[in-house]
Amino acid sequence: MPLWAVHIADGVLTTEWWASGFVAAAVLAALGAWRIRDEEIPRVALLTAAFFVASSFHIRVGPTSVHLLLNGLIGVILGPRACLAIPIGLWLQYLLIQHGGSSTIGINSCVMAVPALLAWLLFALLRRVPWSRRPWFRALLVGFCSVAWILSVIYSVTLLCTNGLRTVTALDTSSADSLTFHPLTLAGAVFAAVLLAYAERRLGNAPEFALGLLVGEVAVLATIALNCLVLLWGGEEDWLTPALIMVVAHLPIAAVEGVIVGFTVGFLAKVKPDMLGWTAPPPAAVPERENHATSLFAGAPPHHAPGLAGDAGPGPRSASPPAGR
C-alpha cells in the first residue's frame, strides 16, 4: 500500500469507515460554513491554497513519504473555518496531483480537521492565560514540547526496532516502556529541554513563539495519532507495522512544523494581530519607569513616576525668569 503521508488511499478502509467519514466531514464542513461572512472568504481561500501547496512537496522516507501539514496553523488563523478549508484542499490535491483517494477524502478531512480545531482551542486558551508572555511560562512551554518530542522519538523508534518490520498482530511494548521511562532517559530529556529553552530565550523570539511551537507540534502529533487509529480500527487488512513506520517518519515533521507555526504566529502578532483573533496588539512588556528620551522618541509625553528626583510638579510653569537678587 502506498502510504501518502497521512492521507489514506483507496482500498485501505472498510466501507463502513469511509462512508461514515463522509458523514462526519459533511458535519464539520457545515460547522465551518455556518454564518460565514463575505470578508472571511478571501482568508479561507488563501489558507486553502497554502495548505494545498504545502502538501504538494513530498520527501520520500522508506515506504512512505512526508510533507508539511499546516493544519495547526490553519486552525489558529481560521478557527472553525478550517473545517471548510481542509476538505477543499484535499479535493484539490486528489483532482490535481492524485494525492490520497476519492473514497477516503471524508475520513482524511476528519483526520486533518479535528486536530486543527484542537489547535484553535488550545491557542485560544493559552493566549488568555495572564502569564502567557512571561519568560518563565514561555520556557516551560518550550521545555514541555522538547520533552514530549524526545520521548516520542525514543518510544516509537524502540517500538519499531524491537518489533521489526514483520507483520505482527500485537506490539511488544516492554522494551520501549523500560527504555523511554528509565530515569537516565528522563533525566537526559529534561536536560536537553532546559538547554533548548535557554537557547530559545537567547534568540529573542517573539513572546508568542512558544505558543505556536506547542500548537504546531500538538496538531501534527494528534493528526498522526488519529490516522493510526483509523488504520488500525477501520483497515481491511492489518496495517500495524505501516502505521508505526508512518509515526516514526512524521516525528521530524512535528518538530519542524512547530517551529514554523511558532515563527508565523510571532510575526502575525506583530504585524497583523487580527488574523489571530486579537482586536489590538498584545501588550508589550515595558519597564514601569520610562526615561524622558525614550518617551519623546516614541512621540508620547514623558512618564512622570512619583518620587523621582528632578520631576516637576503638575503646576504651571512661569514664562519669565525669576527676579534677580
C-alpha atoms as a PDB file:
ATOM      1  CA  MET A   1       0.000   0.000   0.000  1.00  0.00           C
ATOM      2  CA  PRO A   2       1.407   3.441  -0.885  1.00  0.00           C
ATOM      3  CA  LEU A   3       1.273   5.460   2.330  1.00  0.00           C
ATOM      4  CA  TRP A   4       0.914   9.008   1.056  1.00  0.00           C
ATOM      5  CA  ALA A   5       1.827  10.828   4.242  1.00  0.00           C
ATOM      6  CA  VAL A   6      -1.257  10.998   6.463  1.00  0.00           C
ATOM      7  CA  HIS A   7      -3.688  10.743   3.532  1.00  0.00           C
ATOM      8  CA  ILE A   8      -5.224   7.281   3.350  1.00  0.00           C
ATOM      9  CA  ALA A   9      -5.553   5.838  -0.159  1.00  0.00           C
ATOM     10  CA  ASP A  10      -8.466   3.988  -1.750  1.00  0.00           C
ATOM     11  CA  GLY A  11      -8.990   0.347  -0.865  1.00  0.00           C
ATOM     12  CA  VAL A  12      -7.473   0.608   2.611  1.00  0.00           C
ATOM     13  CA  LEU A  13     -10.553   1.107   4.801  1.00  0.00           C
ATOM     14  CA  THR A  14     -13.765  -0.834   5.088  1.00  0.00           C
ATOM     15  CA  THR A  15     -16.938   0.554   3.541  1.00  0.00           C
ATOM     16  CA  GLU A  16     -18.424   1.464   6.908  1.00  0.00           C
ATOM     17  CA  TRP A  17     -15.437   3.602   7.822  1.00  0.00           C
ATOM     18  CA  TRP A  18     -15.019   5.625   4.626  1.00  0.00           C
ATOM     19  CA  ALA A  19     -18.799   6.106   4.334  1.00  0.00           C
ATOM     20  CA  SER A  20     -19.047   7.371   7.902  1.00  0.00           C
ATOM     21  CA  GLY A  21     -16.057   9.598   7.149  1.00  0.00           C
ATOM     22  CA  PHE A  22     -18.074  11.464   4.522  1.00  0.00           C
ATOM     23  CA  VAL A  23     -20.915  11.978   7.006  1.00  0.00           C
ATOM     24  CA  ALA A  24     -18.599  13.323   9.693  1.00  0.00           C
ATOM     25  CA  ALA A  25     -16.757  15.539   7.175  1.00  0.00           C
ATOM     26  CA  ALA A  26     -20.081  16.981   5.991  1.00  0.00           C
ATOM     27  CA  VAL A  27     -20.999  17.862   9.565  1.00  0.00           C
ATOM     28  CA  LEU A  28     -17.621  19.536  10.115  1.00  0.00           C
ATOM     29  CA  ALA A  29     -17.885  21.427   6.811  1.00  0.00           C
ATOM     30  CA  ALA A  30     -21.358  22.666   7.764  1.00  0.00           C
ATOM     31  CA  LEU A  31     -19.897  23.856  11.051  1.00  0.00           C
ATOM     32  CA  GLY A  32     -17.120  25.647   9.192  1.00  0.00           C
ATOM     33  CA  ALA A  33     -19.515  27.348   6.778  1.00  0.00           C
ATOM     34  CA  TRP A  34     -22.044  28.379   9.440  1.00  0.00           C
ATOM     35  CA  ARG A  35     -22.732  32.127   9.154  1.00  0.00           C
ATOM     36  CA  ILE A  36     -19.575  32.770   7.168  1.00  0.00           C
ATOM     37  CA  ARG A  37     -19.176  36.417   6.165  1.00  0.00           C
ATOM     38  CA  ASP A  38     -18.095  37.683   2.766  1.00  0.00           C
ATOM     39  CA  GLU A  39     -14.937  39.256   4.171  1.00  0.00           C
ATOM     40  CA  GLU A  40     -13.848  35.854   5.540  1.00  0.00           C
ATOM     41  CA  ILE A  41     -13.869  34.101   2.167  1.00  0.00           C
ATOM     42  CA  PRO A  42     -10.549  35.542   0.864  1.00  0.00           C
ATOM     43  CA  ARG A  43      -8.768  34.457   4.032  1.00  0.00           C
ATOM     44  CA  VAL A  44     -10.224  30.941   3.781  1.00  0.00           C
ATOM     45  CA  ALA A  45      -9.179  30.771   0.125  1.00  0.00           C
ATOM     46  CA  LEU A  46      -5.654  31.954   0.951  1.00  0.00           C
ATOM     47  CA  LEU A  47      -5.157  29.365   3.704  1.00  0.00           C
ATOM     48  CA  THR A  48      -6.646  26.660   1.481  1.00  0.00           C
ATOM     49  CA  ALA A  49      -4.060  27.483  -1.183  1.00  0.00           C
ATOM     50  CA  ALA A  50      -1.256  27.405   1.398  1.00  0.00           C
ATOM     51  CA  PHE A  51      -2.483  24.024   2.637  1.00  0.00           C
ATOM     52  CA  PHE A  52      -2.557  22.679  -0.928  1.00  0.00           C
ATOM     53  CA  VAL A  53       0.923  23.947  -1.790  1.00  0.00           C
ATOM     54  CA  ALA A  54       2.490  22.652   1.437  1.00  0.00           C
ATOM     55  CA  SER A  55       1.087  19.175   0.809  1.00  0.00           C
ATOM     56  CA  SER A  56       2.383  19.105  -2.768  1.00  0.00           C
ATOM     57  CA  PHE A  57       6.050  18.682  -1.815  1.00  0.00           C
ATOM     58  CA  HIS A  58       6.908  15.202  -0.565  1.00  0.00           C
ATOM     59  CA  ILE A  59      10.079  13.783   0.922  1.00  0.00           C
ATOM     60  CA  ARG A  60      10.405  10.038   0.487  1.00  0.00           C
ATOM     61  CA  VAL A  61      11.205   8.169   3.720  1.00  0.00           C
ATOM     62  CA  GLY A  62      11.382   4.427   3.143  1.00  0.00           C
ATOM     63  CA  PRO A  63       7.966   3.024   2.191  1.00  0.00           C
ATOM     64  CA  THR A  64       6.177   6.277   2.978  1.00  0.00           C
ATOM     65  CA  SER A  65       6.505   9.985   2.248  1.00  0.00           C
ATOM     66  CA  VAL A  66       6.201  13.048   4.441  1.00  0.00           C
ATOM     67  CA  HIS A  67       5.267  16.686   3.940  1.00  0.00           C
ATOM     68  CA  LEU A  68       4.185  19.679   5.990  1.00  0.00           C
ATOM     69  CA  LEU A  69       0.597  19.522   7.203  1.00  0.00           C
ATOM     70  CA  LEU A  70      -0.058  23.111   8.385  1.00  0.00           C
ATOM     71  CA  ASN A  71      -3.432  22.127   9.817  1.00  0.00           C
ATOM     72  CA  GLY A  72      -2.361  23.590  13.155  1.00  0.00           C
ATOM     73  CA  LEU A  73      -1.617  26.966  11.581  1.00  0.00           C
ATOM     74  CA  ILE A  74      -4.871  26.855   9.635  1.00  0.00           C
ATOM     75  CA  GLY A  75      -6.759  26.125  12.836  1.00  0.00           C
ATOM     76  CA  VAL A  76      -5.110  29.012  14.693  1.00  0.00           C
ATOM     77  CA  ILE A  77      -5.926  31.531  11.954  1.00  0.00           C
ATOM     78  CA  LEU A  78      -9.286  30.291  10.679  1.00  0.00           C
ATOM     79  CA  GLY A  79     -10.757  28.648  13.757  1.00  0.00           C
ATOM     80  CA  PRO A  80     -13.893  26.653  12.818  1.00  0.00           C
ATOM     81  CA  ARG A  81     -13.478  27.786   9.185  1.00  0.00           C
ATOM     82  CA  ALA A  82     -10.607  25.287   8.982  1.00  0.00           C
ATOM     83  CA  CYS A  83     -13.273  22.571   8.668  1.00  0.00           C
ATOM     84  CA  LEU A  84     -14.255  24.212   5.388  1.00  0.00           C
ATOM     85  CA  ALA A  85     -10.759  24.916   4.040  1.00  0.00           C
ATOM     86  CA  ILE A  86      -9.242  21.474   4.663  1.00  0.00           C
ATOM     87  CA  PRO A  87     -11.782  19.383   2.666  1.00  0.00           C
ATOM     88  CA  ILE A  88     -11.470  21.776  -0.285  1.00  0.00           C
ATOM     89  CA  GLY A  89      -7.690  21.481  -0.157  1.00  0.00           C
ATOM     90  CA  LEU A  90      -7.893  17.677  -0.047  1.00  0.00           C
ATOM     91  CA  TRP A  91     -10.245  17.629  -3.034  1.00  0.00           C
ATOM     92  CA  LEU A  92      -7.810  19.789  -4.989  1.00  0.00           C
ATOM     93  CA  GLN A  93      -4.921  17.524  -4.038  1.00  0.00           C
ATOM     94  CA  TYR A  94      -6.760  14.467  -5.284  1.00  0.00           C
ATOM     95  CA  LEU A  95      -8.015  16.062  -8.504  1.00  0.00           C
ATOM     96  CA  LEU A  96      -4.782  17.805  -9.498  1.00  0.00           C
ATOM     97  CA  ILE A  97      -1.972  15.607  -8.168  1.00  0.00           C
ATOM     98  CA  GLN A  98      -3.791  12.339  -7.322  1.00  0.00           C
ATOM     99  CA  HIS A  99      -2.897  12.668  -3.656  1.00  0.00           C
ATOM    100  CA  GLY A 100      -4.893  10.359  -1.380  1.00  0.00           C
ATOM    101  CA  GLY A 101      -8.064   8.679  -2.594  1.00  0.00           C
ATOM    102  CA  SER A 102     -11.545   9.623  -3.712  1.00  0.00           C
ATOM    103  CA  SER A 103     -13.386   7.317  -1.291  1.00  0.00           C
ATOM    104  CA  THR A 104     -11.277   8.413   1.682  1.00  0.00           C
ATOM    105  CA  ILE A 105     -11.493  12.188   1.280  1.00  0.00           C
ATOM    106  CA  GLY A 106     -14.131  12.290   4.008  1.00  0.00           C
ATOM    107  CA  ILE A 107     -12.119  10.377   6.599  1.00  0.00           C
ATOM    108  CA  ASN A 108      -8.929  12.217   5.620  1.00  0.00           C
ATOM    109  CA  SER A 109     -10.742  15.514   6.140  1.00  0.00           C
ATOM    110  CA  CYS A 110     -11.734  14.446   9.642  1.00  0.00           C
ATOM    111  CA  VAL A 111      -8.196  13.306  10.457  1.00  0.00           C
ATOM    112  CA  MET A 112      -6.858  16.746   9.476  1.00  0.00           C
ATOM    113  CA  ALA A 113      -9.735  18.977  10.634  1.00  0.00           C
ATOM    114  CA  VAL A 114     -10.178  17.655  14.177  1.00  0.00           C
ATOM    115  CA  PRO A 115      -6.546  18.478  15.166  1.00  0.00           C
ATOM    116  CA  ALA A 116      -6.998  21.893  13.522  1.00  0.00           C
ATOM    117  CA  LEU A 117      -9.934  22.563  15.846  1.00  0.00           C
ATOM    118  CA  LEU A 118      -7.839  21.302  18.755  1.00  0.00           C
ATOM    119  CA  ALA A 119      -5.066  23.733  17.796  1.00  0.00           C
ATOM    120  CA  TRP A 120      -7.548  26.616  17.653  1.00  0.00           C
ATOM    121  CA  LEU A 121      -8.981  25.834  21.077  1.00  0.00           C
ATOM    122  CA  LEU A 122      -5.557  25.275  22.645  1.00  0.00           C
ATOM    123  CA  PHE A 123      -4.189  28.540  21.257  1.00  0.00           C
ATOM    124  CA  ALA A 124      -7.284  30.486  22.336  1.00  0.00           C
ATOM    125  CA  LEU A 125      -6.975  29.034  25.836  1.00  0.00           C
ATOM    126  CA  LEU A 126      -3.245  29.622  26.282  1.00  0.00           C
ATOM    127  CA  ARG A 127      -3.224  33.194  24.994  1.00  0.00           C
ATOM    128  CA  ARG A 128      -5.765  34.131  27.656  1.00  0.00           C
ATOM    129  CA  VAL A 129      -3.512  32.931  30.448  1.00  0.00           C
ATOM    130  CA  PRO A 130      -2.336  36.080  32.302  1.00  0.00           C
ATOM    131  CA  TRP A 131       1.294  34.969  32.378  1.00  0.00           C
ATOM    132  CA  SER A 132       1.446  33.648  28.782  1.00  0.00           C
ATOM    133  CA  ARG A 133       4.013  36.316  27.854  1.00  0.00           C
ATOM    134  CA  ARG A 134       6.193  35.830  30.908  1.00  0.00           C
ATOM    135  CA  PRO A 135       9.667  34.374  30.209  1.00  0.00           C
ATOM    136  CA  TRP A 136       9.264  31.528  32.705  1.00  0.00           C
ATOM    137  CA  PHE A 137       5.981  30.394  31.157  1.00  0.00           C
ATOM    138  CA  ARG A 138       7.435  30.518  27.653  1.00  0.00           C
ATOM    139  CA  ALA A 139      10.430  28.479  28.822  1.00  0.00           C
ATOM    140  CA  LEU A 140       8.036  25.978  30.382  1.00  0.00           C
ATOM    141  CA  LEU A 141       6.169  25.546  27.089  1.00  0.00           C
ATOM    142  CA  VAL A 142       9.385  25.097  25.107  1.00  0.00           C
ATOM    143  CA  GLY A 143      10.657  22.589  27.657  1.00  0.00           C
ATOM    144  CA  PHE A 144       7.404  20.635  27.580  1.00  0.00           C
ATOM    145  CA  CYS A 145       7.467  20.478  23.776  1.00  0.00           C
ATOM    146  CA  SER A 146      11.066  19.296  23.837  1.00  0.00           C
ATOM    147  CA  VAL A 147      10.499  16.562  26.413  1.00  0.00           C
ATOM    148  CA  ALA A 148       7.350  15.312  24.668  1.00  0.00           C
ATOM    149  CA  TRP A 149       9.079  15.160  21.281  1.00  0.00           C
ATOM    150  CA  ILE A 150      12.251  13.478  22.573  1.00  0.00           C
ATOM    151  CA  LEU A 151      10.342  10.801  24.470  1.00  0.00           C
ATOM    152  CA  SER A 152       8.059  10.221  21.472  1.00  0.00           C
ATOM    153  CA  VAL A 153      11.066   9.626  19.239  1.00  0.00           C
ATOM    154  CA  ILE A 154      12.698   7.230  21.697  1.00  0.00           C
ATOM    155  CA  TYR A 155       9.497   5.278  22.283  1.00  0.00           C
ATOM    156  CA  SER A 156       8.416   4.928  18.648  1.00  0.00           C
ATOM    157  CA  VAL A 157      11.892   4.090  17.309  1.00  0.00           C
ATOM    158  CA  THR A 158      12.419   1.490  20.033  1.00  0.00           C
ATOM    159  CA  LEU A 159       8.993   0.047  19.318  1.00  0.00           C
ATOM    160  CA  LEU A 160       9.812  -0.246  15.631  1.00  0.00           C
ATOM    161  CA  CYS A 161      13.251  -1.773  16.199  1.00  0.00           C
ATOM    162  CA  THR A 162      12.132  -4.354  18.753  1.00  0.00           C
ATOM    163  CA  ASN A 163       9.124  -5.494  16.728  1.00  0.00           C
ATOM    164  CA  GLY A 164      10.878  -5.379  13.372  1.00  0.00           C
ATOM    165  CA  LEU A 165       9.224  -4.865  10.025  1.00  0.00           C
ATOM    166  CA  ARG A 166       7.391  -8.177  10.110  1.00  0.00           C
ATOM    167  CA  THR A 167       3.630  -8.420  10.254  1.00  0.00           C
ATOM    168  CA  VAL A 168       2.525  -8.582  13.874  1.00  0.00           C
ATOM    169  CA  THR A 169      -0.879  -8.656  15.469  1.00  0.00           C
ATOM    170  CA  ALA A 170       0.194  -7.153  18.802  1.00  0.00           C
ATOM    171  CA  LEU A 171       3.130  -4.931  19.633  1.00  0.00           C
ATOM    172  CA  ASP A 172       5.609  -5.834  22.343  1.00  0.00           C
ATOM    173  CA  THR A 173       5.990  -2.595  24.274  1.00  0.00           C
ATOM    174  CA  SER A 174       8.075  -3.868  27.173  1.00  0.00           C
ATOM    175  CA  SER A 175      11.422  -2.725  25.751  1.00  0.00           C
ATOM    176  CA  ALA A 176      10.045   0.634  24.673  1.00  0.00           C
ATOM    177  CA  ASP A 177       8.465   1.223  28.078  1.00  0.00           C
ATOM    178  CA  SER A 178      11.586   0.331  30.027  1.00  0.00           C
ATOM    179  CA  LEU A 179      13.901   2.444  27.854  1.00  0.00           C
ATOM    180  CA  THR A 180      11.687   5.501  27.473  1.00  0.00           C
ATOM    181  CA  PHE A 181      10.767   5.807  31.142  1.00  0.00           C
ATOM    182  CA  HIS A 182      14.155   4.881  32.517  1.00  0.00           C
ATOM    183  CA  PRO A 183      15.405   7.526  34.984  1.00  0.00           C
ATOM    184  CA  LEU A 184      18.507   8.218  32.895  1.00  0.00           C
ATOM    185  CA  THR A 185      16.388   8.689  29.766  1.00  0.00           C
ATOM    186  CA  LEU A 186      14.031  11.067  31.557  1.00  0.00           C
ATOM    187  CA  ALA A 187      16.945  12.996  33.042  1.00  0.00           C
ATOM    188  CA  GLY A 188      18.583  13.342  29.626  1.00  0.00           C
ATOM    189  CA  ALA A 189      15.328  14.536  28.085  1.00  0.00           C
ATOM    190  CA  VAL A 190      14.858  17.148  30.810  1.00  0.00           C
ATOM    191  CA  PHE A 191      18.456  18.319  30.447  1.00  0.00           C
ATOM    192  CA  ALA A 192      18.028  18.709  26.674  1.00  0.00           C
ATOM    193  CA  ALA A 193      14.764  20.568  27.236  1.00  0.00           C
ATOM    194  CA  VAL A 194      16.471  23.026  29.594  1.00  0.00           C
ATOM    195  CA  LEU A 195      19.163  23.701  27.005  1.00  0.00           C
ATOM    196  CA  LEU A 196      16.583  24.247  24.254  1.00  0.00           C
ATOM    197  CA  ALA A 197      14.520  26.565  26.448  1.00  0.00           C
ATOM    198  CA  TYR A 198      17.634  28.590  27.259  1.00  0.00           C
ATOM    199  CA  ALA A 199      18.598  28.751  23.568  1.00  0.00           C
ATOM    200  CA  GLU A 200      15.103  29.931  22.616  1.00  0.00           C
ATOM    201  CA  ARG A 201      15.284  32.713  25.183  1.00  0.00           C
ATOM    202  CA  ARG A 202      18.723  33.780  23.976  1.00  0.00           C
ATOM    203  CA  LEU A 203      17.442  34.023  20.409  1.00  0.00           C
ATOM    204  CA  GLY A 204      14.982  36.711  21.487  1.00  0.00           C
ATOM    205  CA  ASN A 205      11.961  35.292  19.690  1.00  0.00           C
ATOM    206  CA  ALA A 206       8.534  36.872  19.931  1.00  0.00           C
ATOM    207  CA  PRO A 207       6.591  36.018  23.110  1.00  0.00           C
ATOM    208  CA  GLU A 208       4.043  34.143  21.000  1.00  0.00           C
ATOM    209  CA  PHE A 209       6.682  31.785  19.574  1.00  0.00           C
ATOM    210  CA  ALA A 210       6.289  29.282  22.397  1.00  0.00           C
ATOM    211  CA  LEU A 211       2.504  29.174  21.918  1.00  0.00           C
ATOM    212  CA  GLY A 212       2.894  28.487  18.206  1.00  0.00           C
ATOM    213  CA  LEU A 213       5.556  25.852  18.869  1.00  0.00           C
ATOM    214  CA  LEU A 214       3.260  23.931  21.187  1.00  0.00           C
ATOM    215  CA  VAL A 215       0.197  24.265  18.964  1.00  0.00           C
ATOM    216  CA  GLY A 216       2.046  23.216  15.795  1.00  0.00           C
ATOM    217  CA  GLU A 217       3.636  20.185  17.414  1.00  0.00           C
ATOM    218  CA  VAL A 218       0.445  19.050  19.126  1.00  0.00           C
ATOM    219  CA  ALA A 219      -1.533  19.359  15.871  1.00  0.00           C
ATOM    220  CA  VAL A 220       0.884  17.093  13.978  1.00  0.00           C
ATOM    221  CA  LEU A 221       1.052  14.513  16.780  1.00  0.00           C
ATOM    222  CA  ALA A 222      -2.750  14.470  17.039  1.00  0.00           C
ATOM    223  CA  THR A 223      -3.061  14.034  13.274  1.00  0.00           C
ATOM    224  CA  ILE A 224      -0.648  11.102  13.305  1.00  0.00           C
ATOM    225  CA  ALA A 225      -2.473   9.506  16.238  1.00  0.00           C
ATOM    226  CA  LEU A 226      -5.878   9.816  14.552  1.00  0.00           C
ATOM    227  CA  ASN A 227      -4.524   8.443  11.284  1.00  0.00           C
ATOM    228  CA  CYS A 228      -3.053   5.416  13.067  1.00  0.00           C
ATOM    229  CA  LEU A 229      -6.300   4.741  14.913  1.00  0.00           C
ATOM    230  CA  VAL A 230      -8.249   4.843  11.653  1.00  0.00           C
ATOM    231  CA  LEU A 231      -5.802   2.424  10.006  1.00  0.00           C
ATOM    232  CA  LEU A 232      -5.854   0.016  12.946  1.00  0.00           C
ATOM    233  CA  TRP A 233      -9.601   0.073  13.616  1.00  0.00           C
ATOM    234  CA  GLY A 234     -11.022   0.564  10.131  1.00  0.00           C
ATOM    235  CA  GLY A 235      -8.482  -1.089   7.840  1.00  0.00           C
ATOM    236  CA  GLU A 236      -9.429  -4.003   5.652  1.00  0.00           C
ATOM    237  CA  GLU A 237      -6.059  -5.569   6.463  1.00  0.00           C
ATOM    238  CA  ASP A 238      -3.579  -5.392   9.327  1.00  0.00           C
ATOM    239  CA  TRP A 239      -1.736  -2.081   8.945  1.00  0.00           C
ATOM    240  CA  LEU A 240       0.024  -2.152  12.318  1.00  0.00           C
ATOM    241  CA  THR A 241       3.601  -2.081  11.033  1.00  0.00           C
ATOM    242  CA  PRO A 242       2.970   0.501   8.265  1.00  0.00           C
ATOM    243  CA  ALA A 243       1.226   2.736  10.800  1.00  0.00           C
ATOM    244  CA  LEU A 244       4.230   2.521  13.113  1.00  0.00           C
ATOM    245  CA  ILE A 245       6.585   3.401  10.263  1.00  0.00           C
ATOM    246  CA  MET A 246       4.416   6.395   9.439  1.00  0.00           C
ATOM    247  CA  VAL A 247       4.630   7.618  13.040  1.00  0.00           C
ATOM    248  CA  VAL A 248       8.426   7.457  13.074  1.00  0.00           C
ATOM    249  CA  ALA A 249       8.669   9.180   9.683  1.00  0.00           C
ATOM    250  CA  HIS A 250       6.449  12.084  10.755  1.00  0.00           C
ATOM    251  CA  LEU A 251       8.049  12.895  14.096  1.00  0.00           C
ATOM    252  CA  PRO A 252      10.602  15.235  12.440  1.00  0.00           C
ATOM    253  CA  ILE A 253       7.667  16.965  10.732  1.00  0.00           C
ATOM    254  CA  ALA A 254       6.158  17.647  14.174  1.00  0.00           C
ATOM    255  CA  ALA A 255       9.296  19.478  15.281  1.00  0.00           C
ATOM    256  CA  VAL A 256       9.740  21.397  12.031  1.00  0.00           C
ATOM    257  CA  GLU A 257       6.113  22.420  11.832  1.00  0.00           C
ATOM    258  CA  GLY A 258       6.127  23.519  15.455  1.00  0.00           C
ATOM    259  CA  VAL A 259       8.995  25.914  14.703  1.00  0.00           C
ATOM    260  CA  ILE A 260       7.260  27.180  11.548  1.00  0.00           C
ATOM    261  CA  VAL A 261       3.985  27.828  13.343  1.00  0.00           C
ATOM    262  CA  GLY A 262       5.873  29.495  16.198  1.00  0.00           C
ATOM    263  CA  PHE A 263       7.631  31.973  13.935  1.00  0.00           C
ATOM    264  CA  THR A 264       4.462  32.590  11.914  1.00  0.00           C
ATOM    265  CA  VAL A 265       2.350  33.278  14.995  1.00  0.00           C
ATOM    266  CA  GLY A 266       5.019  35.597  16.407  1.00  0.00           C
ATOM    267  CA  PHE A 267       5.168  37.517  13.131  1.00  0.00           C
ATOM    268  CA  LEU A 268       1.394  37.828  12.787  1.00  0.00           C
ATOM    269  CA  ALA A 269       1.082  39.013  16.388  1.00  0.00           C
ATOM    270  CA  LYS A 270       3.266  42.000  15.482  1.00  0.00           C
ATOM    271  CA  VAL A 271       2.038  42.963  12.015  1.00  0.00           C
ATOM    272  CA  LYS A 272      -1.488  41.517  11.723  1.00  0.00           C
ATOM    273  CA  PRO A 273      -2.892  40.587  15.142  1.00  0.00           C
ATOM    274  CA  ASP A 274      -6.476  40.472  13.868  1.00  0.00           C
ATOM    275  CA  MET A 275      -5.603  37.282  11.954  1.00  0.00           C
ATOM    276  CA  LEU A 276      -5.059  35.618  15.323  1.00  0.00           C
ATOM    277  CA  GLY A 277      -8.324  36.911  16.752  1.00  0.00           C
ATOM    278  CA  TRP A 278      -6.799  39.910  18.510  1.00  0.00           C
ATOM    279  CA  THR A 279      -8.519  43.254  18.081  1.00  0.00           C
ATOM    280  CA  ALA A 280      -5.353  45.075  19.164  1.00  0.00           C
ATOM    281  CA  PRO A 281      -1.693  44.152  19.505  1.00  0.00           C
ATOM    282  CA  PRO A 282      -0.911  42.304  22.728  1.00  0.00           C
ATOM    283  CA  PRO A 283       0.514  44.500  25.477  1.00  0.00           C
ATOM    284  CA  ALA A 284       4.264  44.789  25.362  1.00  0.00           C
ATOM    285  CA  ALA A 285       6.408  44.179  28.395  1.00  0.00           C
ATOM    286  CA  VAL A 286       7.896  47.646  29.036  1.00  0.00           C
ATOM    287  CA  PRO A 287       9.644  48.960  32.130  1.00  0.00           C
ATOM    288  CA  GLU A 288       7.445  50.783  34.603  1.00  0.00           C
ATOM    289  CA  ARG A 289       9.777  53.781  34.723  1.00  0.00           C
ATOM    290  CA  GLU A 290      10.446  55.188  31.309  1.00  0.00           C
ATOM    291  CA  ASN A 291      13.027  57.904  30.807  1.00  0.00           C
ATOM    292  CA  HIS A 292      12.300  61.174  29.046  1.00  0.00           C
ATOM    293  CA  ALA A 293      14.390  60.466  25.972  1.00  0.00           C
ATOM    294  CA  THR A 294      12.566  57.212  25.210  1.00  0.00           C
ATOM    295  CA  SER A 295       9.177  58.805  25.696  1.00  0.00           C
ATOM    296  CA  LEU A 296       9.936  61.768  23.449  1.00  0.00           C
ATOM    297  CA  PHE A 297      11.364  59.467  20.754  1.00  0.00           C
ATOM    298  CA  ALA A 298       8.141  57.444  20.798  1.00  0.00           C
ATOM    299  CA  GLY A 299       6.084  60.614  20.374  1.00  0.00           C
ATOM    300  CA  ALA A 300       4.435  60.383  23.806  1.00  0.00           C
ATOM    301  CA  PRO A 301       4.659  62.812  26.729  1.00  0.00           C
ATOM    302  CA  PRO A 302       7.240  61.888  29.339  1.00  0.00           C
ATOM    303  CA  HIS A 303       6.089  59.496  32.014  1.00  0.00           C
ATOM    304  CA  HIS A 304       6.499  61.012  35.457  1.00  0.00           C
ATOM    305  CA  ALA A 305       6.852  58.444  38.170  1.00  0.00           C
ATOM    306  CA  PRO A 306       6.133  59.822  41.621  1.00  0.00           C
ATOM    307  CA  GLY A 307       9.071  60.168  43.899  1.00  0.00           C
ATOM    308  CA  LEU A 308      11.765  60.577  41.216  1.00  0.00           C
ATOM    309  CA  ALA A 309      14.300  63.306  41.749  1.00  0.00           C
ATOM    310  CA  GLY A 310      14.095  66.186  39.303  1.00  0.00           C
ATOM    311  CA  ASP A 311      10.450  65.668  38.312  1.00  0.00           C
ATOM    312  CA  ALA A 312       8.455  68.874  38.139  1.00  0.00           C
ATOM    313  CA  GLY A 313       5.086  69.179  39.723  1.00  0.00           C
ATOM    314  CA  PRO A 314       1.840  69.445  37.752  1.00  0.00           C
ATOM    315  CA  GLY A 315       1.576  73.214  38.339  1.00  0.00           C
ATOM    316  CA  PRO A 316       2.001  75.798  35.525  1.00  0.00           C
ATOM    317  CA  ARG A 317       5.479  76.927  34.558  1.00  0.00           C
ATOM    318  CA  SER A 318       6.427  80.588  34.742  1.00  0.00           C
ATOM    319  CA  ALA A 319       7.017  82.308  31.410  1.00  0.00           C
ATOM    320  CA  SER A 320       9.564  84.796  32.825  1.00  0.00           C
ATOM    321  CA  PRO A 321      12.823  84.110  34.649  1.00  0.00           C
ATOM    322  CA  PRO A 322      12.918  84.742  38.413  1.00  0.00           C
ATOM    323  CA  ALA A 323      13.831  88.180  39.592  1.00  0.00           C
ATOM    324  CA  GLY A 324      17.471  88.818  40.397  1.00  0.00           C
ATOM    325  CA  ARG A 325      18.774  89.297  43.883  1.00  0.00           C
END
